[in-house]
Every structure is written in C-alpha cells, then in structure tokens.
Amino acid sequence: MTLPVHSAAIAFRQGQVMLFASTAFHRAAYPVGKLLMPALYFATARMPGTAASSANEAAGQAWRILSATRPAHAGTVSVLSQAIEIAGRLDILVNNAGLYQYAPLHDITTASFRDHFDLNLLGPLLMMREAARVMGEDGGSIINIGSVAMRALIPSTAIYAGSKAALGAFTTVFAKELAPRGIRVNIIHPGPVDTEGARNGGLMGGDWEKQLVAMTPLGRFGQVADVTPAALFLALGDARWITGEVLYVTGGL
C-alpha cells in the first residue's frame, strides 16, 4: 500500500486565513500541488506581497504548501504550527483528506480498517482539536468533507462509508461544543467527483463509473467546481448562522 502524508495549503481570502488539509501520496501521480490546486483553484486568494491578478496567477503564486508525514497526530501538529507561523492566525479549516479502498466483507483487513479510520477520522479529529485551540475571539469555521457513500451505502464501501458517517457524527457534536466560542462546524457530502484520485482509484472509465452515473439523477460525475462554491459559502460570512449542518452536493444521488 502507498502511504499517504498529511498536507495542507494556506491562503488569504476576504481578510481571513484559510487552511485546506488534504492528502498526498508517495507516487508521481499524486504530487501535493496537483492534488491540492484543483480544489483551491476557485478561490482567487493571494498571499501578502504577491501581485496575483487572476485565478491562474493565484493558483501559481498565492498558495503555501505545507506537508508532514504520518503518524496522524505528528502531521496535524506540524501543519497547524506551520500555518500559524506563516499567517499568524487561523480562521477557517477545510478537512479534505481522504482514503478510499473498496472491498467486500470477506476481503476487509484490520490494516485497511485502521488506515481508513486513521486518515478519514482521526486526522480530521486532531485537525479540528488543534484548530479550535488557535482560533481567536472572532470564532472561525470548520468544514469537513465527507462522502455520499455514507448515504448511498454501495456494496464494498463499508469501511470508507463508515469512516465518513463517523465524521458526520463528529461534526454534529463538535458544532454544539464549539458554538459558544463562535466556531461553526459543518460537513459537505459530495457525490462522485471527477478528480485525479478518482481516476487512479478506478472509479472512472469502467463499470464503477457507469453504475454511479446511472444512479445519479443529474446523469454525470461531479466536477471540482460543483463542490468548492459550497465550501466557500460555509466558510465565509454569509453562513454565519449555520452550524452543525449537512450539505449534500451529489447531483441528486
């Protein structure tokens, strides 16, 4: 198995510091920048001192990529520390790390279970804990990225779906715990999205894709641009009275 690393990018948007936590893999197909930039491309944020004037320039110049290898707790503390050192504060956290490997019941292993729950659940848990510690008096926004798999419940997805269902439970509980401090916690459950990870993971171009498209009322895979505006909405001021909510962006699946 190829081991993931905990990675993140920070950016400024509308005067706030955003930290996007993601996953990269030790193989050429998943360089950190190629994995993160499609998810961040929509935001024409800029780091102080840059002269970025377009989304293209922002994507090329405005992001600082932070990276730390496992174990999860060490990686979490490392990327949070790097973000605070660079930006001085943290207002928004997007937990976008994820691992998905599908197997029927008789092929599930203890190692696979631990890998999924380590990255899909323990990682976001620790990121939320550390982010909450450093978010200031003005509060903040935490957005977890789940998956429609926890609702669609497709055969062979039990471990992945279970980890994302648990992340939804964490979201609801921590939204209530952190509300007195003005920290909002919400979760987005995307449907199947056309990403490099989905292609290399075997979701695209075969029976899986045909099955998922047939199940989706809007009749296609999602694109990154279908999901990221929802994250921006929850991150910024228009959603200031929204917490503990679940937003499905699935094409109807």
C-alpha atoms as a PDB file:
ATOM      1  CA  MET A   1       0.000   0.000   0.000  1.00  0.00           C
ATOM      2  CA  THR A   2       1.171   3.535  -0.739  1.00  0.00           C
ATOM      3  CA  LEU A   3       1.245   5.535   2.477  1.00  0.00           C
ATOM      4  CA  PRO A   4      -0.363   8.974   2.489  1.00  0.00           C
ATOM      5  CA  VAL A   5       1.063  12.098   4.039  1.00  0.00           C
ATOM      6  CA  HIS A   6      -0.815  14.880   5.750  1.00  0.00           C
ATOM      7  CA  SER A   7      -0.584  18.049   3.691  1.00  0.00           C
ATOM      8  CA  ALA A   8      -2.185  21.457   3.655  1.00  0.00           C
ATOM      9  CA  ALA A   9      -2.230  24.794   1.916  1.00  0.00           C
ATOM     10  CA  ILE A  10      -2.924  28.191   3.418  1.00  0.00           C
ATOM     11  CA  ALA A  11      -4.432  31.156   1.630  1.00  0.00           C
ATOM     12  CA  PHE A  12      -5.960  34.529   2.346  1.00  0.00           C
ATOM     13  CA  ARG A  13      -9.479  35.391   1.232  1.00  0.00           C
ATOM     14  CA  GLN A  14     -11.578  38.384   2.297  1.00  0.00           C
ATOM     15  CA  GLY A  15      -9.100  39.096   5.060  1.00  0.00           C
ATOM     16  CA  GLN A  16      -9.314  35.625   6.586  1.00  0.00           C
ATOM     17  CA  VAL A  17      -6.758  32.845   6.799  1.00  0.00           C
ATOM     18  CA  MET A  18      -7.899  29.525   5.340  1.00  0.00           C
ATOM     19  CA  LEU A  19      -6.173  26.186   5.896  1.00  0.00           C
ATOM     20  CA  PHE A  20      -7.018  23.365   3.491  1.00  0.00           C
ATOM     21  CA  ALA A  21      -5.984  19.982   4.875  1.00  0.00           C
ATOM     22  CA  SER A  22      -5.611  17.307   2.236  1.00  0.00           C
ATOM     23  CA  THR A  23      -3.756  14.147   1.348  1.00  0.00           C
ATOM     24  CA  ALA A  24      -0.829  13.457  -0.931  1.00  0.00           C
ATOM     25  CA  PHE A  25       0.740  10.146  -1.850  1.00  0.00           C
ATOM     26  CA  HIS A  26       4.297   8.944  -2.334  1.00  0.00           C
ATOM     27  CA  ARG A  27       3.994   8.416  -6.060  1.00  0.00           C
ATOM     28  CA  ALA A  28       4.427  10.611  -9.119  1.00  0.00           C
ATOM     29  CA  ALA A  29       0.721  10.620  -9.921  1.00  0.00           C
ATOM     30  CA  TYR A  30      -0.076  12.478  -6.690  1.00  0.00           C
ATOM     31  CA  PRO A  31       2.298  15.390  -6.187  1.00  0.00           C
ATOM     32  CA  VAL A  32       0.988  17.633  -3.434  1.00  0.00           C
ATOM     33  CA  GLY A  33       0.396  20.618  -5.677  1.00  0.00           C
ATOM     34  CA  LYS A  34      -1.517  18.658  -8.333  1.00  0.00           C
ATOM     35  CA  LEU A  35      -3.831  17.229  -5.708  1.00  0.00           C
ATOM     36  CA  LEU A  36      -4.476  20.461  -3.865  1.00  0.00           C
ATOM     37  CA  MET A  37      -4.640  23.035  -6.618  1.00  0.00           C
ATOM     38  CA  PRO A  38      -7.810  21.762  -8.325  1.00  0.00           C
ATOM     39  CA  ALA A  39      -9.641  22.075  -5.009  1.00  0.00           C
ATOM     40  CA  LEU A  40      -8.231  25.541  -4.329  1.00  0.00           C
ATOM     41  CA  TYR A  41      -8.267  26.938  -7.858  1.00  0.00           C
ATOM     42  CA  PHE A  42     -11.683  28.530  -7.480  1.00  0.00           C
ATOM     43  CA  ALA A  43     -10.538  30.952  -4.785  1.00  0.00           C
ATOM     44  CA  THR A  44      -8.652  33.925  -6.195  1.00  0.00           C
ATOM     45  CA  ALA A  45      -6.911  34.368  -2.867  1.00  0.00           C
ATOM     46  CA  ARG A  46      -3.488  35.890  -2.598  1.00  0.00           C
ATOM     47  CA  MET A  47      -0.714  35.761  -0.078  1.00  0.00           C
ATOM     48  CA  PRO A  48       0.606  39.116   1.207  1.00  0.00           C
ATOM     49  CA  GLY A  49       3.076  40.703  -1.162  1.00  0.00           C
ATOM     50  CA  THR A  50       2.019  38.824  -4.299  1.00  0.00           C
ATOM     51  CA  ALA A  51       0.785  40.581  -7.383  1.00  0.00           C
ATOM     52  CA  ALA A  52      -1.651  37.882  -8.447  1.00  0.00           C
ATOM     53  CA  SER A  53      -4.417  39.321 -10.581  1.00  0.00           C
ATOM     54  CA  SER A  54      -6.206  36.228 -11.843  1.00  0.00           C
ATOM     55  CA  ALA A  55      -7.197  32.750 -10.694  1.00  0.00           C
ATOM     56  CA  ASN A  56      -4.363  31.291 -12.736  1.00  0.00           C
ATOM     57  CA  GLU A  57      -1.785  33.545 -11.150  1.00  0.00           C
ATOM     58  CA  ALA A  58      -3.262  32.981  -7.704  1.00  0.00           C
ATOM     59  CA  ALA A  59      -3.102  29.228  -8.126  1.00  0.00           C
ATOM     60  CA  GLY A  60       0.508  29.501  -9.192  1.00  0.00           C
ATOM     61  CA  GLN A  61       1.746  32.086  -6.716  1.00  0.00           C
ATOM     62  CA  ALA A  62      -0.583  32.551  -3.789  1.00  0.00           C
ATOM     63  CA  TRP A  63      -0.510  29.192  -2.056  1.00  0.00           C
ATOM     64  CA  ARG A  64       1.919  27.926   0.528  1.00  0.00           C
ATOM     65  CA  ILE A  65       2.029  24.112   0.532  1.00  0.00           C
ATOM     66  CA  LEU A  66       2.629  22.506   3.920  1.00  0.00           C
ATOM     67  CA  SER A  67       3.395  18.837   4.327  1.00  0.00           C
ATOM     68  CA  ALA A  68       4.105  16.341   7.087  1.00  0.00           C
ATOM     69  CA  THR A  69       4.402  12.567   7.033  1.00  0.00           C
ATOM     70  CA  ARG A  70       2.430  10.260   9.279  1.00  0.00           C
ATOM     71  CA  PRO A  71       1.668   9.430  12.088  1.00  0.00           C
ATOM     72  CA  ALA A  72      -1.528  11.473  12.048  1.00  0.00           C
ATOM     73  CA  HIS A  73      -1.020  13.317  15.325  1.00  0.00           C
ATOM     74  CA  ALA A  74       2.501  14.441  14.401  1.00  0.00           C
ATOM     75  CA  GLY A  75       1.401  15.562  10.939  1.00  0.00           C
ATOM     76  CA  THR A  76      -1.526  17.510  12.361  1.00  0.00           C
ATOM     77  CA  VAL A  77       0.551  19.436  14.854  1.00  0.00           C
ATOM     78  CA  SER A  78       3.189  20.102  12.204  1.00  0.00           C
ATOM     79  CA  VAL A  79       0.908  21.593   9.551  1.00  0.00           C
ATOM     80  CA  LEU A  80      -1.031  23.656  12.103  1.00  0.00           C
ATOM     81  CA  SER A  81       2.211  25.009  13.527  1.00  0.00           C
ATOM     82  CA  GLN A  82       3.481  25.873  10.061  1.00  0.00           C
ATOM     83  CA  ALA A  83       0.240  27.663   9.215  1.00  0.00           C
ATOM     84  CA  ILE A  84       0.276  29.748  12.392  1.00  0.00           C
ATOM     85  CA  GLU A  85       3.953  30.574  11.934  1.00  0.00           C
ATOM     86  CA  ILE A  86       3.322  31.843   8.395  1.00  0.00           C
ATOM     87  CA  ALA A  87      -0.066  33.515   8.804  1.00  0.00           C
ATOM     88  CA  GLY A  88      -0.190  34.415  12.487  1.00  0.00           C
ATOM     89  CA  ARG A  89      -3.724  33.092  12.976  1.00  0.00           C
ATOM     90  CA  LEU A  90      -6.323  30.661  11.636  1.00  0.00           C
ATOM     91  CA  ASP A  91      -9.940  31.459  10.753  1.00  0.00           C
ATOM     92  CA  ILE A  92     -11.089  28.597   8.512  1.00  0.00           C
ATOM     93  CA  LEU A  93     -10.214  24.916   8.340  1.00  0.00           C
ATOM     94  CA  VAL A  94     -11.292  22.620   5.493  1.00  0.00           C
ATOM     95  CA  ASN A  95     -10.702  18.938   6.274  1.00  0.00           C
ATOM     96  CA  ASN A  96     -10.364  17.400   2.817  1.00  0.00           C
ATOM     97  CA  ALA A  97      -8.058  14.443   3.484  1.00  0.00           C
ATOM     98  CA  GLY A  98      -9.361  11.060   2.435  1.00  0.00           C
ATOM     99  CA  LEU A  99      -8.529   7.455   1.686  1.00  0.00           C
ATOM    100  CA  TYR A 100     -10.825   5.096  -0.182  1.00  0.00           C
ATOM    101  CA  GLN A 101     -10.166   1.458  -0.957  1.00  0.00           C
ATOM    102  CA  TYR A 102     -13.154  -0.749  -1.646  1.00  0.00           C
ATOM    103  CA  ALA A 103     -13.521  -4.400  -0.646  1.00  0.00           C
ATOM    104  CA  PRO A 104     -16.362  -6.816   0.179  1.00  0.00           C
ATOM    105  CA  LEU A 105     -16.709  -8.095   3.733  1.00  0.00           C
ATOM    106  CA  HIS A 106     -14.596 -11.231   3.291  1.00  0.00           C
ATOM    107  CA  ASP A 107     -11.646  -9.164   1.973  1.00  0.00           C
ATOM    108  CA  ILE A 108     -11.629  -6.483   4.698  1.00  0.00           C
ATOM    109  CA  THR A 109      -8.448  -6.483   6.757  1.00  0.00           C
ATOM    110  CA  THR A 110      -7.570  -4.966  10.090  1.00  0.00           C
ATOM    111  CA  ALA A 111      -4.872  -2.919   8.390  1.00  0.00           C
ATOM    112  CA  SER A 112      -7.351  -1.472   5.879  1.00  0.00           C
ATOM    113  CA  PHE A 113      -9.781  -0.593   8.653  1.00  0.00           C
ATOM    114  CA  ARG A 114      -7.084   1.197  10.620  1.00  0.00           C
ATOM    115  CA  ASP A 115      -5.751   3.047   7.570  1.00  0.00           C
ATOM    116  CA  HIS A 116      -9.214   4.364   6.696  1.00  0.00           C
ATOM    117  CA  PHE A 117     -10.141   5.430  10.212  1.00  0.00           C
ATOM    118  CA  ASP A 118      -6.683   6.871  10.839  1.00  0.00           C
ATOM    119  CA  LEU A 119      -6.798   9.159   7.820  1.00  0.00           C
ATOM    120  CA  ASN A 120     -10.544   9.751   7.349  1.00  0.00           C
ATOM    121  CA  LEU A 121     -11.457  10.168  11.010  1.00  0.00           C
ATOM    122  CA  LEU A 122      -8.502  10.518  13.379  1.00  0.00           C
ATOM    123  CA  GLY A 123      -6.757  13.027  11.114  1.00  0.00           C
ATOM    124  CA  PRO A 124      -9.768  15.387  10.879  1.00  0.00           C
ATOM    125  CA  LEU A 125     -10.451  14.944  14.601  1.00  0.00           C
ATOM    126  CA  LEU A 126      -6.960  16.095  15.514  1.00  0.00           C
ATOM    127  CA  MET A 127      -7.045  18.903  12.952  1.00  0.00           C
ATOM    128  CA  MET A 128     -10.288  20.162  14.499  1.00  0.00           C
ATOM    129  CA  ARG A 129      -8.881  19.918  18.004  1.00  0.00           C
ATOM    130  CA  GLU A 130      -5.728  21.846  17.158  1.00  0.00           C
ATOM    131  CA  ALA A 131      -7.560  24.410  15.010  1.00  0.00           C
ATOM    132  CA  ALA A 132     -10.065  25.105  17.774  1.00  0.00           C
ATOM    133  CA  ARG A 133      -7.197  25.786  20.151  1.00  0.00           C
ATOM    134  CA  VAL A 134      -5.764  28.547  17.971  1.00  0.00           C
ATOM    135  CA  MET A 135      -8.920  30.166  16.559  1.00  0.00           C
ATOM    136  CA  GLY A 136      -9.373  33.582  18.119  1.00  0.00           C
ATOM    137  CA  GLU A 137     -12.100  35.612  19.777  1.00  0.00           C
ATOM    138  CA  ASP A 138     -13.883  36.145  16.454  1.00  0.00           C
ATOM    139  CA  GLY A 139     -14.516  32.402  16.153  1.00  0.00           C
ATOM    140  CA  GLY A 140     -13.996  30.503  12.957  1.00  0.00           C
ATOM    141  CA  SER A 141     -15.366  27.965  10.518  1.00  0.00           C
ATOM    142  CA  ILE A 142     -14.525  24.277  10.219  1.00  0.00           C
ATOM    143  CA  ILE A 143     -15.724  22.401   7.147  1.00  0.00           C
ATOM    144  CA  ASN A 144     -15.398  18.649   6.954  1.00  0.00           C
ATOM    145  CA  ILE A 145     -15.578  16.873   3.609  1.00  0.00           C
ATOM    146  CA  GLY A 146     -17.490  13.623   3.905  1.00  0.00           C
ATOM    147  CA  SER A 147     -18.956  11.498   1.138  1.00  0.00           C
ATOM    148  CA  VAL A 148     -22.334  10.477  -0.224  1.00  0.00           C
ATOM    149  CA  ALA A 149     -21.036   6.925   0.291  1.00  0.00           C
ATOM    150  CA  MET A 150     -22.299   7.109   3.870  1.00  0.00           C
ATOM    151  CA  ARG A 151     -25.846   7.533   2.498  1.00  0.00           C
ATOM    152  CA  ALA A 152     -25.686   5.578  -0.752  1.00  0.00           C
ATOM    153  CA  LEU A 153     -24.257   2.507   1.040  1.00  0.00           C
ATOM    154  CA  ILE A 154     -22.953   0.784  -2.069  1.00  0.00           C
ATOM    155  CA  PRO A 155     -21.610  -2.766  -1.650  1.00  0.00           C
ATOM    156  CA  SER A 156     -17.848  -2.987  -0.951  1.00  0.00           C
ATOM    157  CA  THR A 157     -17.699   0.540   0.512  1.00  0.00           C
ATOM    158  CA  ALA A 158     -18.394  -0.370   4.170  1.00  0.00           C
ATOM    159  CA  ILE A 159     -15.112   0.794   5.701  1.00  0.00           C
ATOM    160  CA  TYR A 160     -14.959   4.023   3.711  1.00  0.00           C
ATOM    161  CA  ALA A 161     -18.644   4.787   4.263  1.00  0.00           C
ATOM    162  CA  GLY A 162     -18.338   4.014   7.972  1.00  0.00           C
ATOM    163  CA  SER A 163     -15.432   6.400   8.416  1.00  0.00           C
ATOM    164  CA  LYS A 164     -17.336   9.210   6.686  1.00  0.00           C
ATOM    165  CA  ALA A 165     -20.507   8.507   8.682  1.00  0.00           C
ATOM    166  CA  ALA A 166     -18.479   8.826  11.870  1.00  0.00           C
ATOM    167  CA  LEU A 167     -17.054  12.117  10.613  1.00  0.00           C
ATOM    168  CA  GLY A 168     -20.629  13.357  10.251  1.00  0.00           C
ATOM    169  CA  ALA A 169     -21.310  12.462  13.888  1.00  0.00           C
ATOM    170  CA  PHE A 170     -18.163  14.293  14.977  1.00  0.00           C
ATOM    171  CA  THR A 171     -19.314  17.332  13.025  1.00  0.00           C
ATOM    172  CA  THR A 172     -22.659  17.492  14.832  1.00  0.00           C
ATOM    173  CA  VAL A 173     -21.181  17.028  18.301  1.00  0.00           C
ATOM    174  CA  PHE A 174     -18.319  19.487  17.859  1.00  0.00           C
ATOM    175  CA  ALA A 175     -20.652  22.082  16.343  1.00  0.00           C
ATOM    176  CA  LYS A 176     -22.526  22.124  19.649  1.00  0.00           C
ATOM    177  CA  GLU A 177     -19.351  22.085  21.749  1.00  0.00           C
ATOM    178  CA  LEU A 178     -17.669  24.929  19.867  1.00  0.00           C
ATOM    179  CA  ALA A 179     -20.713  27.152  19.232  1.00  0.00           C
ATOM    180  CA  PRO A 180     -20.227  29.188  22.445  1.00  0.00           C
ATOM    181  CA  ARG A 181     -16.854  30.275  21.054  1.00  0.00           C
ATOM    182  CA  GLY A 182     -18.335  31.269  17.709  1.00  0.00           C
ATOM    183  CA  ILE A 183     -16.675  28.385  15.867  1.00  0.00           C
ATOM    184  CA  ARG A 184     -19.010  26.848  13.296  1.00  0.00           C
ATOM    185  CA  VAL A 185     -18.621  23.222  12.193  1.00  0.00           C
ATOM    186  CA  ASN A 186     -20.392  21.861   9.099  1.00  0.00           C
ATOM    187  CA  ILE A 187     -19.937  18.957   6.705  1.00  0.00           C
ATOM    188  CA  ILE A 188     -20.277  18.621   2.935  1.00  0.00           C
ATOM    189  CA  HIS A 189     -21.017  15.192   1.485  1.00  0.00           C
ATOM    190  CA  PRO A 190     -20.031  15.286  -2.199  1.00  0.00           C
ATOM    191  CA  GLY A 191     -21.176  12.718  -4.702  1.00  0.00           C
ATOM    192  CA  PRO A 192     -18.736  11.065  -7.125  1.00  0.00           C
ATOM    193  CA  VAL A 193     -16.396  13.775  -8.395  1.00  0.00           C
ATOM    194  CA  ASP A 194     -14.043  13.584 -11.366  1.00  0.00           C
ATOM    195  CA  THR A 195     -10.605  14.014  -9.806  1.00  0.00           C
ATOM    196  CA  GLU A 196      -7.200  12.527 -10.489  1.00  0.00           C
ATOM    197  CA  GLY A 197      -7.644  10.417  -7.379  1.00  0.00           C
ATOM    198  CA  ALA A 198     -10.945   9.035  -8.661  1.00  0.00           C
ATOM    199  CA  ARG A 199      -9.346   8.190 -11.986  1.00  0.00           C
ATOM    200  CA  ASN A 200      -6.330   6.471 -10.471  1.00  0.00           C
ATOM    201  CA  GLY A 201      -8.542   4.745  -7.917  1.00  0.00           C
ATOM    202  CA  GLY A 202     -10.528   3.012 -10.649  1.00  0.00           C
ATOM    203  CA  LEU A 203     -13.772   4.972 -10.320  1.00  0.00           C
ATOM    204  CA  MET A 204     -13.552   6.423 -13.810  1.00  0.00           C
ATOM    205  CA  GLY A 205     -13.688   4.694 -17.159  1.00  0.00           C
ATOM    206  CA  GLY A 206     -15.175   1.377 -16.102  1.00  0.00           C
ATOM    207  CA  ASP A 207     -18.179  -0.348 -14.551  1.00  0.00           C
ATOM    208  CA  TRP A 208     -17.991   1.754 -11.386  1.00  0.00           C
ATOM    209  CA  GLU A 209     -18.415   4.950 -13.378  1.00  0.00           C
ATOM    210  CA  LYS A 210     -21.331   3.555 -15.371  1.00  0.00           C
ATOM    211  CA  GLN A 211     -23.047   2.375 -12.196  1.00  0.00           C
ATOM    212  CA  LEU A 212     -22.559   5.671 -10.360  1.00  0.00           C
ATOM    213  CA  VAL A 213     -23.669   7.816 -13.306  1.00  0.00           C
ATOM    214  CA  ALA A 214     -26.763   5.632 -13.731  1.00  0.00           C
ATOM    215  CA  MET A 215     -27.590   6.136 -10.039  1.00  0.00           C
ATOM    216  CA  THR A 216     -27.154   9.927 -10.209  1.00  0.00           C
ATOM    217  CA  PRO A 217     -30.344  11.795 -11.232  1.00  0.00           C
ATOM    218  CA  LEU A 218     -28.392  14.596 -12.927  1.00  0.00           C
ATOM    219  CA  GLY A 219     -26.666  11.943 -15.002  1.00  0.00           C
ATOM    220  CA  ARG A 220     -22.973  12.743 -14.673  1.00  0.00           C
ATOM    221  CA  PHE A 221     -19.963  12.752 -12.372  1.00  0.00           C
ATOM    222  CA  GLY A 222     -19.453  15.960 -10.458  1.00  0.00           C
ATOM    223  CA  GLN A 223     -16.627  18.372 -11.124  1.00  0.00           C
ATOM    224  CA  VAL A 224     -14.486  20.077  -8.500  1.00  0.00           C
ATOM    225  CA  ALA A 225     -16.155  23.357  -9.455  1.00  0.00           C
ATOM    226  CA  ASP A 226     -19.513  21.872  -8.411  1.00  0.00           C
ATOM    227  CA  VAL A 227     -18.344  21.363  -4.832  1.00  0.00           C
ATOM    228  CA  THR A 228     -15.972  24.187  -3.993  1.00  0.00           C
ATOM    229  CA  PRO A 229     -18.575  27.026  -4.032  1.00  0.00           C
ATOM    230  CA  ALA A 230     -20.433  25.165  -1.280  1.00  0.00           C
ATOM    231  CA  ALA A 231     -17.266  25.122   0.826  1.00  0.00           C
ATOM    232  CA  LEU A 232     -16.725  28.836   0.235  1.00  0.00           C
ATOM    233  CA  PHE A 233     -20.307  29.580   1.267  1.00  0.00           C
ATOM    234  CA  LEU A 234     -19.932  27.705   4.543  1.00  0.00           C
ATOM    235  CA  ALA A 235     -16.518  29.223   5.180  1.00  0.00           C
ATOM    236  CA  LEU A 236     -17.395  32.876   4.909  1.00  0.00           C
ATOM    237  CA  GLY A 237     -19.780  35.432   6.392  1.00  0.00           C
ATOM    238  CA  ASP A 238     -22.972  34.548   4.526  1.00  0.00           C
ATOM    239  CA  ALA A 239     -23.163  31.328   6.574  1.00  0.00           C
ATOM    240  CA  ARG A 240     -22.529  32.985   9.945  1.00  0.00           C
ATOM    241  CA  TRP A 241     -25.715  31.473  11.477  1.00  0.00           C
ATOM    242  CA  ILE A 242     -25.189  27.975  10.077  1.00  0.00           C
ATOM    243  CA  THR A 243     -23.525  25.284  12.160  1.00  0.00           C
ATOM    244  CA  GLY A 244     -23.939  21.551  12.658  1.00  0.00           C
ATOM    245  CA  GLU A 245     -25.440  21.224   9.193  1.00  0.00           C
ATOM    246  CA  VAL A 246     -25.028  18.614   6.473  1.00  0.00           C
ATOM    247  CA  LEU A 247     -24.873  19.766   2.852  1.00  0.00           C
ATOM    248  CA  TYR A 248     -25.140  17.154   0.093  1.00  0.00           C
ATOM    249  CA  VAL A 249     -23.599  18.138  -3.251  1.00  0.00           C
ATOM    250  CA  THR A 250     -24.286  14.961  -5.175  1.00  0.00           C
ATOM    251  CA  GLY A 251     -26.257  15.562  -8.358  1.00  0.00           C
ATOM    252  CA  GLY A 252     -29.228  14.040  -6.544  1.00  0.00           C
ATOM    253  CA  LEU A 253     -27.582  10.728  -5.595  1.00  0.00           C
END
